[in-house]
């Protein structure tokens, strides 16, 4: 069955991590027209500062149709040490190479890190790659789900994040921890290649209602992480 985020979040945020229990099929629907590049927000300040001696990861992205280039993620190991160590373990094992951004939620998130490509909307439901054990949720360390920050996707259970992550395409304070609900752990931000994220947000995208929430879509052609490497 699909994995979902707490139902107390807004409807557009209900599913931050999806997986299927086999099966497949479904109507691929009609590709969404690309939104204007301005749909991606402008970050006020990276987290942490790109000048800091913080670890960095470079993701090489391509879809063969307008999305092509490197995205640099600067990671906040000081405030989110468990999350950063987990992410770097996947990076340094080559886990993300060949995975795709399987979910674009307009003006919300771009999510990937769990499925090897290619994926075809309306085809067989994909299976997640085998992952490391789930980690402790670091959602109370002073980091917020702001524009172009990077955070971990998870199940409803707080300590359930493994490999999937998302880039915030807007300021999403509803994903932060509150007095009554757990949040989504931010662990860094996009500090280079934001134009590649803009291109990804503007790429053609196809609904897949048996796999993704209403209003979300699979980038088509797939936006693939061809190479993910720790570059600092």
Foldseek 3Di string as FASTA:
>chain_A
DFFFADPVFPPLRTRPGTADPWDFFDDFADKDAFDALPQFDDDPAWVPHPPDPFWKKWFFKDLPPQQGDIWIWGWACPQPVFVVVQQQVCQVVFVQAQKFQFKDQGQFKGKIFFFHDDDGARGIGTHTDDWDFFAAARQPRPDFLARFFKWFGAGHDRRGTTTMIIGTRHRDRSQGDDPVGHHTHTTTGTPDDVVSVSSQSRAIFIDRVVIDPPRMTGRPVTIGRNHMHTPD
